[in-house]
Amino acid sequence: MKIFKMSSENPDMDLIGEAIDIMANGGIILYPTDTVYGLGANIFNNDAVCKIYEIKKRDPSKPLSVLVENTESLELIADLNKSSREIVNKWLPGPFTFILNKKKIVSPYVSASAKVGVRIPDYKIARSLASLFPITTTSANLTNECTLSNPHDILKQIGDNVDLVIDVGDLNKAKPSTVIDLSSSKPTLVRNGFDSEDMDSLRRDLENLI
């Protein structure tokens, strides 16, 4: 297991490239986002995706969310209508996961349903890691255990089954993203997660879609 210490403001792009290579070859990484540390794998490598479930001791019937670099990449894996596109373009990057109708390119190993949760974090390291292909984004913890804020404690909990750790230190607000389902005509708040000053404004935008 490799551990890369990195600055969140000035990330080492050569090391980011090495992390991408590891995922391209089926490896698993532990990486920071704008909310919590996540477990990343190439979504097009089913064996790697299965490793994520094993590490987390997660039921394979429960979907994993996907992290993409930008909204253009998002539209490669999910369908957007006019309303959902407006919401996504306004609120991403940010601490939100939007559930959308997935495209066939997304494996049932990632999500067995017709939907997929998608993130574009407001965090350069995380988006850079998805510059060549979308990656899994799921909190780096054991299922039903607390979400921890730094790699040292996380590895104590989940074990050393990852190939690479990108360590930017403690993420003081270790709370997962807010999840909003935009896959139907009536948007639904699924999980109230990371505290955002903009939640009232987002709620108004969602109400206007109904």
N, C-alpha and C. Protein backbone atom coordinates (compact mmCIF):
# COMPACT_ATOMS: atom_id res chain seq x y z
N MET A 1 0.84 -1.20 0.00
CA MET A 1 0.00 0.00 0.00
C MET A 1 0.88 1.25 0.00
N LYS A 2 0.60 2.16 -0.91
CA LYS A 2 1.32 3.42 -0.97
C LYS A 2 0.50 4.50 -0.28
N ILE A 3 1.20 5.44 0.36
CA ILE A 3 0.53 6.58 0.97
C ILE A 3 1.16 7.85 0.41
N PHE A 4 0.35 8.67 -0.24
CA PHE A 4 0.80 9.94 -0.79
C PHE A 4 0.29 11.07 0.10
N LYS A 5 1.19 11.79 0.75
CA LYS A 5 0.81 13.01 1.46
C LYS A 5 0.67 14.11 0.42
N MET A 6 -0.40 14.88 0.52
CA MET A 6 -0.65 15.84 -0.54
C MET A 6 -1.35 17.08 0.00
N SER A 7 -1.08 18.21 -0.64
CA SER A 7 -1.77 19.45 -0.31
C SER A 7 -3.09 19.52 -1.10
N SER A 8 -4.18 19.82 -0.41
CA SER A 8 -5.45 19.94 -1.11
C SER A 8 -5.50 21.17 -2.01
N GLU A 9 -4.73 22.21 -1.65
CA GLU A 9 -4.72 23.43 -2.47
C GLU A 9 -3.79 23.31 -3.67
N ASN A 10 -2.70 22.55 -3.51
CA ASN A 10 -1.72 22.43 -4.59
C ASN A 10 -1.33 20.97 -4.78
N PRO A 11 -2.26 20.15 -5.31
CA PRO A 11 -1.99 18.71 -5.42
C PRO A 11 -0.89 18.40 -6.43
N ASP A 12 -0.16 17.33 -6.18
CA ASP A 12 0.90 16.87 -7.07
C ASP A 12 0.26 16.07 -8.20
N MET A 13 0.24 16.64 -9.40
CA MET A 13 -0.46 16.00 -10.51
C MET A 13 0.24 14.74 -11.01
N ASP A 14 1.54 14.65 -10.77
CA ASP A 14 2.23 13.39 -11.11
C ASP A 14 1.74 12.25 -10.23
N LEU A 15 1.54 12.53 -8.96
CA LEU A 15 1.01 11.51 -8.05
C LEU A 15 -0.45 11.20 -8.37
N ILE A 16 -1.19 12.22 -8.77
CA ILE A 16 -2.58 11.98 -9.21
C ILE A 16 -2.58 11.02 -10.40
N GLY A 17 -1.65 11.24 -11.32
CA GLY A 17 -1.54 10.36 -12.48
C GLY A 17 -1.21 8.93 -12.08
N GLU A 18 -0.37 8.77 -11.06
CA GLU A 18 -0.05 7.43 -10.58
C GLU A 18 -1.28 6.76 -9.97
N ALA A 19 -2.08 7.55 -9.26
CA ALA A 19 -3.32 7.02 -8.67
C ALA A 19 -4.29 6.57 -9.76
N ILE A 20 -4.38 7.34 -10.83
CA ILE A 20 -5.24 6.98 -11.96
C ILE A 20 -4.76 5.68 -12.59
N ASP A 21 -3.44 5.54 -12.74
CA ASP A 21 -2.88 4.31 -13.32
C ASP A 21 -3.24 3.10 -12.45
N ILE A 22 -3.17 3.26 -11.14
CA ILE A 22 -3.51 2.17 -10.23
C ILE A 22 -4.96 1.74 -10.44
N MET A 23 -5.87 2.72 -10.54
CA MET A 23 -7.27 2.37 -10.77
C MET A 23 -7.48 1.79 -12.16
N ALA A 24 -6.75 2.28 -13.14
CA ALA A 24 -6.87 1.75 -14.50
C ALA A 24 -6.49 0.28 -14.55
N ASN A 25 -5.63 -0.13 -13.61
CA ASN A 25 -5.19 -1.54 -13.55
C ASN A 25 -5.93 -2.34 -12.49
N GLY A 26 -7.08 -1.86 -12.07
CA GLY A 26 -7.92 -2.61 -11.16
C GLY A 26 -7.68 -2.36 -9.69
N GLY A 27 -6.87 -1.35 -9.36
CA GLY A 27 -6.58 -1.05 -7.96
C GLY A 27 -7.65 -0.20 -7.30
N ILE A 28 -7.54 -0.10 -5.97
CA ILE A 28 -8.47 0.66 -5.14
C ILE A 28 -7.70 1.77 -4.44
N ILE A 29 -8.29 2.96 -4.41
CA ILE A 29 -7.65 4.08 -3.72
C ILE A 29 -8.57 4.64 -2.64
N LEU A 30 -7.94 5.23 -1.65
CA LEU A 30 -8.63 6.00 -0.62
C LEU A 30 -8.30 7.46 -0.88
N TYR A 31 -9.31 8.29 -1.06
CA TYR A 31 -9.04 9.66 -1.52
C TYR A 31 -9.99 10.66 -0.86
N PRO A 32 -9.58 11.93 -0.76
CA PRO A 32 -10.40 12.95 -0.13
C PRO A 32 -11.38 13.59 -1.12
N THR A 33 -12.50 14.07 -0.58
CA THR A 33 -13.45 14.85 -1.37
C THR A 33 -13.81 16.10 -0.57
N ASP A 34 -14.80 16.83 -1.04
CA ASP A 34 -15.26 18.01 -0.31
C ASP A 34 -16.13 17.65 0.87
N THR A 35 -16.41 16.36 1.07
CA THR A 35 -17.23 15.94 2.21
C THR A 35 -16.44 14.97 3.09
N VAL A 36 -16.22 13.75 2.63
CA VAL A 36 -15.52 12.73 3.40
C VAL A 36 -14.48 12.05 2.51
N TYR A 37 -13.64 11.21 3.11
CA TYR A 37 -12.76 10.35 2.32
C TYR A 37 -13.60 9.26 1.66
N GLY A 38 -13.25 8.94 0.42
CA GLY A 38 -13.99 7.95 -0.34
C GLY A 38 -13.11 6.81 -0.81
N LEU A 39 -13.76 5.73 -1.25
CA LEU A 39 -13.07 4.59 -1.86
C LEU A 39 -13.31 4.65 -3.36
N GLY A 40 -12.22 4.64 -4.12
CA GLY A 40 -12.33 4.82 -5.56
C GLY A 40 -11.83 3.63 -6.35
N ALA A 41 -12.60 3.30 -7.40
CA ALA A 41 -12.22 2.27 -8.36
C ALA A 41 -12.76 2.69 -9.72
N ASN A 42 -12.15 2.17 -10.76
CA ASN A 42 -12.64 2.39 -12.12
C ASN A 42 -14.01 1.72 -12.27
N ILE A 43 -15.05 2.48 -12.59
CA ILE A 43 -16.39 1.89 -12.63
C ILE A 43 -16.55 0.87 -13.75
N PHE A 44 -15.62 0.87 -14.71
CA PHE A 44 -15.71 -0.07 -15.83
C PHE A 44 -14.97 -1.37 -15.56
N ASN A 45 -14.39 -1.51 -14.36
CA ASN A 45 -13.70 -2.73 -13.97
C ASN A 45 -14.55 -3.42 -12.90
N ASN A 46 -15.30 -4.42 -13.30
CA ASN A 46 -16.24 -5.06 -12.37
C ASN A 46 -15.54 -5.71 -11.18
N ASP A 47 -14.37 -6.29 -11.41
CA ASP A 47 -13.64 -6.91 -10.30
C ASP A 47 -13.26 -5.87 -9.25
N ALA A 48 -12.82 -4.71 -9.73
CA ALA A 48 -12.44 -3.64 -8.80
C ALA A 48 -13.66 -3.13 -8.04
N VAL A 49 -14.78 -3.00 -8.73
CA VAL A 49 -16.01 -2.56 -8.06
C VAL A 49 -16.41 -3.55 -6.97
N CYS A 50 -16.27 -4.84 -7.27
CA CYS A 50 -16.59 -5.87 -6.27
C CYS A 50 -15.70 -5.77 -5.05
N LYS A 51 -14.43 -5.35 -5.25
CA LYS A 51 -13.52 -5.18 -4.12
C LYS A 51 -14.02 -4.09 -3.17
N ILE A 52 -14.62 -3.05 -3.73
CA ILE A 52 -15.17 -1.98 -2.89
C ILE A 52 -16.21 -2.55 -1.94
N TYR A 53 -17.12 -3.37 -2.48
CA TYR A 53 -18.14 -3.99 -1.64
C TYR A 53 -17.50 -4.86 -0.55
N GLU A 54 -16.46 -5.59 -0.92
CA GLU A 54 -15.79 -6.46 0.05
C GLU A 54 -15.13 -5.64 1.16
N ILE A 55 -14.46 -4.56 0.80
CA ILE A 55 -13.78 -3.73 1.78
C ILE A 55 -14.78 -3.14 2.77
N LYS A 56 -15.91 -2.66 2.24
CA LYS A 56 -16.91 -2.02 3.08
C LYS A 56 -17.83 -3.02 3.79
N LYS A 57 -17.75 -4.30 3.36
CA LYS A 57 -18.72 -5.30 3.83
C LYS A 57 -20.15 -4.83 3.52
N ARG A 58 -20.30 -4.38 2.31
CA ARG A 58 -21.56 -3.79 1.86
C ARG A 58 -22.35 -4.79 1.03
N ASP A 59 -23.65 -4.78 1.18
CA ASP A 59 -24.54 -5.63 0.40
C ASP A 59 -24.42 -5.25 -1.08
N PRO A 60 -24.04 -6.18 -1.96
CA PRO A 60 -23.87 -5.86 -3.38
C PRO A 60 -25.14 -5.38 -4.08
N SER A 61 -26.29 -5.59 -3.44
CA SER A 61 -27.53 -5.11 -4.04
C SER A 61 -27.70 -3.60 -3.84
N LYS A 62 -26.90 -3.01 -2.95
CA LYS A 62 -26.99 -1.58 -2.71
C LYS A 62 -26.04 -0.85 -3.66
N PRO A 63 -26.51 0.16 -4.36
CA PRO A 63 -25.69 0.80 -5.39
C PRO A 63 -24.54 1.62 -4.81
N LEU A 64 -23.54 1.83 -5.65
CA LEU A 64 -22.47 2.77 -5.37
C LEU A 64 -22.70 4.02 -6.22
N SER A 65 -22.31 5.15 -5.69
CA SER A 65 -22.39 6.38 -6.49
C SER A 65 -21.13 6.51 -7.34
N VAL A 66 -21.22 7.39 -8.32
CA VAL A 66 -20.15 7.58 -9.29
C VAL A 66 -19.68 9.03 -9.26
N LEU A 67 -18.37 9.21 -9.31
CA LEU A 67 -17.77 10.54 -9.34
C LEU A 67 -17.25 10.82 -10.74
N VAL A 68 -17.61 11.98 -11.27
CA VAL A 68 -17.14 12.37 -12.60
C VAL A 68 -16.44 13.72 -12.50
N GLU A 69 -15.68 14.03 -13.54
CA GLU A 69 -14.87 15.26 -13.52
C GLU A 69 -15.71 16.51 -13.73
N ASN A 70 -16.71 16.41 -14.59
CA ASN A 70 -17.49 17.60 -14.97
C ASN A 70 -18.86 17.19 -15.49
N THR A 71 -19.70 18.17 -15.81
CA THR A 71 -21.06 17.87 -16.26
C THR A 71 -21.07 17.18 -17.62
N GLU A 72 -20.06 17.44 -18.45
CA GLU A 72 -19.99 16.75 -19.73
C GLU A 72 -19.79 15.24 -19.51
N SER A 73 -18.93 14.89 -18.57
CA SER A 73 -18.72 13.48 -18.24
C SER A 73 -19.97 12.87 -17.62
N LEU A 74 -20.68 13.68 -16.84
CA LEU A 74 -21.90 13.19 -16.20
C LEU A 74 -22.91 12.71 -17.24
N GLU A 75 -23.02 13.44 -18.33
CA GLU A 75 -24.02 13.09 -19.35
C GLU A 75 -23.64 11.85 -20.14
N LEU A 76 -22.43 11.35 -19.95
CA LEU A 76 -22.05 10.09 -20.57
C LEU A 76 -22.62 8.89 -19.82
N ILE A 77 -22.93 9.09 -18.53
CA ILE A 77 -23.38 7.96 -17.72
C ILE A 77 -24.82 8.10 -17.25
N ALA A 78 -25.43 9.28 -17.39
CA ALA A 78 -26.78 9.50 -16.88
C ALA A 78 -27.59 10.36 -17.84
N ASP A 79 -28.89 10.14 -17.80
CA ASP A 79 -29.81 10.93 -18.63
C ASP A 79 -30.30 12.15 -17.85
N LEU A 80 -30.27 13.28 -18.53
CA LEU A 80 -30.77 14.52 -17.93
C LEU A 80 -31.87 15.10 -18.81
N ASN A 81 -32.92 15.59 -18.16
CA ASN A 81 -33.90 16.37 -18.91
C ASN A 81 -33.61 17.85 -18.66
N LYS A 82 -34.43 18.73 -19.19
CA LYS A 82 -34.16 20.16 -19.08
C LYS A 82 -34.08 20.60 -17.62
N SER A 83 -35.02 20.14 -16.80
CA SER A 83 -35.07 20.58 -15.40
C SER A 83 -33.88 20.06 -14.60
N SER A 84 -33.60 18.77 -14.73
CA SER A 84 -32.49 18.20 -13.97
C SER A 84 -31.16 18.78 -14.44
N ARG A 85 -31.06 19.08 -15.71
CA ARG A 85 -29.81 19.69 -16.22
C ARG A 85 -29.60 21.06 -15.59
N GLU A 86 -30.66 21.83 -15.44
CA GLU A 86 -30.54 23.15 -14.82
C GLU A 86 -30.07 23.02 -13.37
N ILE A 87 -30.63 22.06 -12.64
CA ILE A 87 -30.23 21.86 -11.24
C ILE A 87 -28.76 21.43 -11.16
N VAL A 88 -28.39 20.46 -11.97
CA VAL A 88 -27.02 19.94 -11.96
C VAL A 88 -26.02 21.02 -12.33
N ASN A 89 -26.33 21.78 -13.37
CA ASN A 89 -25.40 22.82 -13.81
C ASN A 89 -25.25 23.93 -12.77
N LYS A 90 -26.31 24.17 -12.00
CA LYS A 90 -26.25 25.24 -11.00
C LYS A 90 -25.54 24.80 -9.73
N TRP A 91 -25.75 23.54 -9.31
CA TRP A 91 -25.32 23.13 -7.98
C TRP A 91 -24.09 22.23 -7.95
N LEU A 92 -23.58 21.85 -9.09
CA LEU A 92 -22.34 21.08 -9.14
C LEU A 92 -21.27 21.90 -9.86
N PRO A 93 -20.03 21.85 -9.39
CA PRO A 93 -19.51 21.05 -8.27
C PRO A 93 -20.07 21.50 -6.92
N GLY A 94 -20.20 20.52 -6.01
CA GLY A 94 -20.68 20.82 -4.68
C GLY A 94 -20.90 19.55 -3.88
N PRO A 95 -21.31 19.68 -2.61
CA PRO A 95 -21.42 18.53 -1.70
C PRO A 95 -22.74 17.77 -1.85
N PHE A 96 -23.11 17.50 -3.11
CA PHE A 96 -24.39 16.86 -3.40
C PHE A 96 -24.20 15.62 -4.27
N THR A 97 -25.07 14.63 -4.04
CA THR A 97 -25.19 13.49 -4.93
C THR A 97 -26.57 13.56 -5.56
N PHE A 98 -26.62 13.59 -6.88
CA PHE A 98 -27.90 13.61 -7.58
C PHE A 98 -28.16 12.23 -8.19
N ILE A 99 -29.31 11.67 -7.86
CA ILE A 99 -29.71 10.39 -8.42
C ILE A 99 -30.44 10.63 -9.73
N LEU A 100 -29.94 9.98 -10.79
CA LEU A 100 -30.46 10.17 -12.14
C LEU A 100 -30.68 8.82 -12.79
N ASN A 101 -31.43 8.81 -13.87
CA ASN A 101 -31.59 7.57 -14.64
C ASN A 101 -30.28 7.28 -15.35
N LYS A 102 -29.77 6.07 -15.15
CA LYS A 102 -28.44 5.75 -15.67
C LYS A 102 -28.52 5.31 -17.12
N LYS A 103 -27.38 5.42 -17.79
CA LYS A 103 -27.24 4.90 -19.14
C LYS A 103 -26.66 3.49 -19.08
N LYS A 104 -26.79 2.76 -20.18
CA LYS A 104 -26.39 1.35 -20.19
C LYS A 104 -24.90 1.15 -19.93
N ILE A 105 -24.13 2.19 -20.13
CA ILE A 105 -22.68 2.08 -19.93
C ILE A 105 -22.34 1.80 -18.47
N VAL A 106 -23.25 2.13 -17.56
CA VAL A 106 -23.01 1.89 -16.13
C VAL A 106 -23.37 0.45 -15.79
N SER A 107 -22.40 -0.28 -15.31
CA SER A 107 -22.56 -1.70 -15.02
C SER A 107 -23.55 -1.94 -13.88
N PRO A 108 -24.29 -3.06 -13.93
CA PRO A 108 -25.12 -3.43 -12.78
C PRO A 108 -24.31 -3.73 -11.53
N TYR A 109 -23.02 -3.95 -11.67
CA TYR A 109 -22.17 -4.12 -10.49
C TYR A 109 -22.09 -2.80 -9.70
N VAL A 110 -22.17 -1.69 -10.41
CA VAL A 110 -22.16 -0.38 -9.76
C VAL A 110 -23.55 -0.06 -9.21
N SER A 111 -24.56 -0.26 -10.05
CA SER A 111 -25.95 -0.04 -9.62
C SER A 111 -26.83 -1.02 -10.37
N ALA A 112 -27.50 -1.88 -9.60
CA ALA A 112 -28.36 -2.90 -10.22
C ALA A 112 -29.69 -2.32 -10.67
N SER A 113 -30.01 -1.12 -10.23
CA SER A 113 -31.28 -0.50 -10.60
C SER A 113 -31.11 0.32 -11.88
N ALA A 114 -32.16 1.00 -12.26
CA ALA A 114 -32.12 1.85 -13.46
C ALA A 114 -31.57 3.24 -13.16
N LYS A 115 -31.15 3.44 -11.90
CA LYS A 115 -30.69 4.76 -11.48
C LYS A 115 -29.23 4.71 -11.05
N VAL A 116 -28.62 5.89 -11.01
CA VAL A 116 -27.25 5.98 -10.49
C VAL A 116 -27.08 7.34 -9.81
N GLY A 117 -26.40 7.32 -8.66
CA GLY A 117 -26.06 8.56 -7.98
C GLY A 117 -24.76 9.11 -8.54
N VAL A 118 -24.74 10.41 -8.80
CA VAL A 118 -23.57 11.03 -9.43
C VAL A 118 -23.10 12.22 -8.61
N ARG A 119 -21.78 12.33 -8.46
CA ARG A 119 -21.15 13.43 -7.74
C ARG A 119 -20.13 14.14 -8.61
N ILE A 120 -20.05 15.46 -8.45
CA ILE A 120 -18.92 16.26 -8.94
C ILE A 120 -18.49 17.11 -7.74
N PRO A 121 -17.52 16.64 -6.97
CA PRO A 121 -17.14 17.37 -5.75
C PRO A 121 -16.50 18.71 -6.07
N ASP A 122 -16.64 19.62 -5.14
CA ASP A 122 -15.95 20.90 -5.24
C ASP A 122 -14.56 20.72 -4.62
N TYR A 123 -13.76 19.88 -5.29
CA TYR A 123 -12.48 19.46 -4.74
C TYR A 123 -11.60 19.00 -5.89
N LYS A 124 -10.51 19.71 -6.12
CA LYS A 124 -9.69 19.48 -7.30
C LYS A 124 -9.12 18.07 -7.36
N ILE A 125 -8.63 17.56 -6.24
CA ILE A 125 -8.03 16.22 -6.25
C ILE A 125 -9.03 15.19 -6.72
N ALA A 126 -10.22 15.22 -6.16
CA ALA A 126 -11.24 14.22 -6.50
C ALA A 126 -11.62 14.30 -7.97
N ARG A 127 -11.84 15.49 -8.48
CA ARG A 127 -12.22 15.62 -9.90
C ARG A 127 -11.09 15.19 -10.82
N SER A 128 -9.86 15.49 -10.44
CA SER A 128 -8.71 15.10 -11.26
C SER A 128 -8.58 13.59 -11.34
N LEU A 129 -8.91 12.90 -10.27
CA LEU A 129 -8.83 11.44 -10.26
C LEU A 129 -9.79 10.81 -11.26
N ALA A 130 -10.84 11.54 -11.63
CA ALA A 130 -11.83 11.03 -12.58
C ALA A 130 -11.65 11.62 -13.97
N SER A 131 -10.45 12.10 -14.27
CA SER A 131 -10.23 12.78 -15.55
C SER A 131 -10.20 11.83 -16.74
N LEU A 132 -9.88 10.55 -16.53
CA LEU A 132 -9.83 9.59 -17.64
C LEU A 132 -11.04 8.67 -17.68
N PHE A 133 -11.62 8.38 -16.53
CA PHE A 133 -12.81 7.53 -16.45
C PHE A 133 -13.52 7.83 -15.13
N PRO A 134 -14.84 7.61 -15.08
CA PRO A 134 -15.56 7.81 -13.83
C PRO A 134 -15.08 6.82 -12.77
N ILE A 135 -15.14 7.22 -11.52
CA ILE A 135 -14.71 6.35 -10.44
C ILE A 135 -15.83 6.21 -9.40
N THR A 136 -15.76 5.15 -8.61
CA THR A 136 -16.72 4.99 -7.54
C THR A 136 -16.48 6.04 -6.47
N THR A 137 -17.55 6.45 -5.84
CA THR A 137 -17.42 7.34 -4.68
C THR A 137 -18.38 6.86 -3.62
N THR A 138 -17.81 6.34 -2.56
CA THR A 138 -18.57 5.83 -1.42
C THR A 138 -17.74 6.07 -0.19
N SER A 139 -18.37 6.44 0.90
CA SER A 139 -17.61 6.78 2.09
C SER A 139 -16.71 5.62 2.52
N ALA A 140 -15.51 5.98 2.95
CA ALA A 140 -14.50 4.98 3.31
C ALA A 140 -14.71 4.51 4.74
N ASN A 141 -15.70 3.66 4.90
CA ASN A 141 -16.00 3.09 6.22
C ASN A 141 -16.65 1.73 6.04
N LEU A 142 -16.67 0.96 7.12
CA LEU A 142 -17.42 -0.28 7.10
C LEU A 142 -18.91 0.05 7.17
N THR A 143 -19.72 -0.74 6.50
CA THR A 143 -21.16 -0.53 6.51
C THR A 143 -21.69 -0.50 7.94
N ASN A 144 -22.49 0.52 8.21
CA ASN A 144 -23.13 0.73 9.53
C ASN A 144 -22.15 1.16 10.61
N GLU A 145 -20.91 1.46 10.24
CA GLU A 145 -19.95 2.02 11.19
C GLU A 145 -19.81 3.51 10.94
N CYS A 146 -19.24 4.22 11.90
CA CYS A 146 -19.14 5.67 11.77
C CYS A 146 -18.18 6.06 10.64
N THR A 147 -18.46 7.23 10.07
CA THR A 147 -17.60 7.77 9.02
C THR A 147 -16.51 8.60 9.67
N LEU A 148 -15.26 8.25 9.44
CA LEU A 148 -14.12 8.89 10.10
C LEU A 148 -13.51 9.94 9.19
N SER A 149 -12.69 10.81 9.80
CA SER A 149 -12.28 12.01 9.07
C SER A 149 -10.82 12.02 8.63
N ASN A 150 -10.03 11.00 9.00
CA ASN A 150 -8.64 11.01 8.55
C ASN A 150 -8.19 9.59 8.20
N PRO A 151 -7.23 9.48 7.28
CA PRO A 151 -6.82 8.17 6.78
C PRO A 151 -6.31 7.22 7.85
N HIS A 152 -5.62 7.74 8.86
CA HIS A 152 -5.06 6.87 9.91
C HIS A 152 -6.18 6.08 10.59
N ASP A 153 -7.22 6.78 10.99
CA ASP A 153 -8.34 6.12 11.67
C ASP A 153 -9.15 5.25 10.70
N ILE A 154 -9.28 5.72 9.47
CA ILE A 154 -10.04 4.97 8.47
C ILE A 154 -9.39 3.61 8.23
N LEU A 155 -8.08 3.59 8.07
CA LEU A 155 -7.38 2.33 7.80
C LEU A 155 -7.47 1.38 8.99
N LYS A 156 -7.53 1.93 10.19
CA LYS A 156 -7.73 1.07 11.37
C LYS A 156 -9.08 0.36 11.27
N GLN A 157 -10.07 1.08 10.74
CA GLN A 157 -11.42 0.52 10.67
C GLN A 157 -11.58 -0.46 9.51
N ILE A 158 -11.13 -0.06 8.31
CA ILE A 158 -11.41 -0.89 7.12
C ILE A 158 -10.29 -1.86 6.79
N GLY A 159 -9.12 -1.71 7.42
CA GLY A 159 -7.99 -2.55 7.09
C GLY A 159 -7.15 -1.95 5.98
N ASP A 160 -6.09 -2.66 5.60
CA ASP A 160 -5.14 -2.13 4.62
C ASP A 160 -5.35 -2.75 3.24
N ASN A 161 -6.61 -2.91 2.85
CA ASN A 161 -6.92 -3.58 1.58
C ASN A 161 -6.98 -2.63 0.40
N VAL A 162 -6.50 -1.40 0.57
CA VAL A 162 -6.46 -0.47 -0.55
C VAL A 162 -5.03 -0.42 -1.08
N ASP A 163 -4.89 -0.01 -2.33
CA ASP A 163 -3.58 0.02 -2.97
C ASP A 163 -2.87 1.35 -2.79
N LEU A 164 -3.66 2.40 -2.58
CA LEU A 164 -3.08 3.75 -2.49
C LEU A 164 -3.96 4.62 -1.60
N VAL A 165 -3.30 5.43 -0.78
CA VAL A 165 -3.99 6.42 0.05
C VAL A 165 -3.50 7.81 -0.34
N ILE A 166 -4.43 8.71 -0.63
CA ILE A 166 -4.09 10.12 -0.80
C ILE A 166 -4.48 10.83 0.48
N ASP A 167 -3.49 11.27 1.23
CA ASP A 167 -3.67 11.80 2.58
C ASP A 167 -3.49 13.31 2.57
N VAL A 168 -4.59 14.03 2.80
CA VAL A 168 -4.51 15.49 2.92
C VAL A 168 -4.74 15.92 4.37
N GLY A 169 -4.70 14.93 5.28
CA GLY A 169 -4.94 15.24 6.68
C GLY A 169 -6.40 15.07 7.06
N ASP A 170 -6.77 15.68 8.15
CA ASP A 170 -8.12 15.51 8.70
C ASP A 170 -9.12 16.37 7.93
N LEU A 171 -10.23 15.75 7.53
CA LEU A 171 -11.34 16.50 6.96
C LEU A 171 -12.30 16.79 8.12
N ASN A 172 -12.24 18.00 8.60
CA ASN A 172 -12.92 18.32 9.86
C ASN A 172 -14.43 18.09 9.81
N LYS A 173 -15.03 18.33 8.67
CA LYS A 173 -16.48 18.13 8.54
C LYS A 173 -16.73 16.80 7.83
N ALA A 174 -16.46 15.72 8.51
CA ALA A 174 -16.60 14.40 7.89
C ALA A 174 -18.06 13.97 7.91
N LYS A 175 -18.82 14.52 6.97
CA LYS A 175 -20.23 14.20 6.85
C LYS A 175 -20.51 13.96 5.38
N PRO A 176 -21.24 12.90 5.04
CA PRO A 176 -21.45 12.58 3.63
C PRO A 176 -22.29 13.61 2.90
N SER A 177 -22.33 13.47 1.59
CA SER A 177 -23.05 14.43 0.75
C SER A 177 -24.56 14.36 0.97
N THR A 178 -25.23 15.44 0.65
CA THR A 178 -26.69 15.45 0.60
C THR A 178 -27.14 14.76 -0.69
N VAL A 179 -28.09 13.85 -0.57
CA VAL A 179 -28.54 13.06 -1.73
C VAL A 179 -29.93 13.50 -2.16
N ILE A 180 -30.07 13.80 -3.45
CA ILE A 180 -31.34 14.26 -4.01
C ILE A 180 -31.67 13.44 -5.24
N ASP A 181 -32.87 12.88 -5.26
CA ASP A 181 -33.31 12.04 -6.38
C ASP A 181 -34.00 12.92 -7.42
N LEU A 182 -33.37 13.02 -8.60
CA LEU A 182 -33.93 13.78 -9.72
C LEU A 182 -34.41 12.86 -10.84
N SER A 183 -34.59 11.58 -10.53
CA SER A 183 -34.89 10.61 -11.59
C SER A 183 -36.36 10.59 -12.01
N SER A 184 -37.20 11.28 -11.25
CA SER A 184 -38.63 11.34 -11.60
C SER A 184 -39.07 12.79 -11.66
N SER A 185 -40.31 13.01 -11.97
CA SER A 185 -40.82 14.38 -12.14
C SER A 185 -40.88 15.14 -10.82
N LYS A 186 -40.91 14.40 -9.70
CA LYS A 186 -40.95 15.04 -8.39
C LYS A 186 -39.64 14.78 -7.65
N PRO A 187 -38.77 15.78 -7.53
CA PRO A 187 -37.49 15.58 -6.85
C PRO A 187 -37.70 15.25 -5.38
N THR A 188 -36.81 14.41 -4.84
CA THR A 188 -36.94 13.94 -3.47
C THR A 188 -35.61 14.09 -2.74
N LEU A 189 -35.66 14.65 -1.53
CA LEU A 189 -34.48 14.70 -0.68
C LEU A 189 -34.35 13.35 0.01
N VAL A 190 -33.31 12.60 -0.36
CA VAL A 190 -33.12 11.25 0.16
C VAL A 190 -32.30 11.26 1.44
N ARG A 191 -31.28 12.10 1.50
CA ARG A 191 -30.42 12.17 2.68
C ARG A 191 -29.94 13.60 2.88
N ASN A 192 -30.16 14.11 4.07
CA ASN A 192 -29.68 15.44 4.41
C ASN A 192 -28.29 15.26 5.01
N GLY A 193 -27.26 15.55 4.24
CA GLY A 193 -25.90 15.25 4.66
C GLY A 193 -25.09 16.47 5.01
N PHE A 194 -24.07 16.71 4.25
CA PHE A 194 -23.12 17.79 4.50
C PHE A 194 -23.84 19.12 4.68
N ASP A 195 -23.49 19.87 5.72
CA ASP A 195 -24.13 21.15 5.99
C ASP A 195 -23.68 22.18 4.95
N SER A 196 -24.63 22.66 4.20
CA SER A 196 -24.33 23.66 3.18
C SER A 196 -25.18 24.90 3.43
N GLU A 197 -24.55 26.05 3.30
CA GLU A 197 -25.28 27.31 3.49
C GLU A 197 -26.35 27.49 2.42
N ASP A 198 -26.24 26.73 1.34
CA ASP A 198 -27.13 26.93 0.20
C ASP A 198 -28.35 26.01 0.20
N MET A 199 -28.55 25.22 1.26
CA MET A 199 -29.63 24.23 1.24
C MET A 199 -31.01 24.86 1.06
N ASP A 200 -31.26 26.00 1.69
CA ASP A 200 -32.58 26.64 1.54
C ASP A 200 -32.81 27.05 0.10
N SER A 201 -31.77 27.57 -0.54
CA SER A 201 -31.89 27.98 -1.93
C SER A 201 -32.09 26.76 -2.84
N LEU A 202 -31.38 25.68 -2.54
CA LEU A 202 -31.55 24.45 -3.33
C LEU A 202 -32.97 23.91 -3.18
N ARG A 203 -33.48 23.91 -1.95
CA ARG A 203 -34.85 23.43 -1.73
C ARG A 203 -35.85 24.23 -2.56
N ARG A 204 -35.66 25.55 -2.62
CA ARG A 204 -36.56 26.38 -3.43
C ARG A 204 -36.48 26.00 -4.90
N ASP A 205 -35.27 25.74 -5.37
CA ASP A 205 -35.10 25.34 -6.77
C ASP A 205 -35.82 24.02 -7.04
N LEU A 206 -35.73 23.08 -6.09
CA LEU A 206 -36.37 21.79 -6.27
C LEU A 206 -37.90 21.93 -6.24
N GLU A 207 -38.40 22.78 -5.36
CA GLU A 207 -39.85 23.00 -5.29
C GLU A 207 -40.37 23.60 -6.59
N ASN A 208 -39.57 24.41 -7.24
CA ASN A 208 -39.99 25.03 -8.49
C ASN A 208 -40.08 24.02 -9.63
N LEU A 209 -39.47 22.84 -9.45
CA LEU A 209 -39.53 21.82 -10.49
C LEU A 209 -40.84 21.04 -10.42
N ILE A 210 -41.50 21.07 -9.28
CA ILE A 210 -42.71 20.27 -9.10
C ILE A 210 -43.90 20.89 -9.83
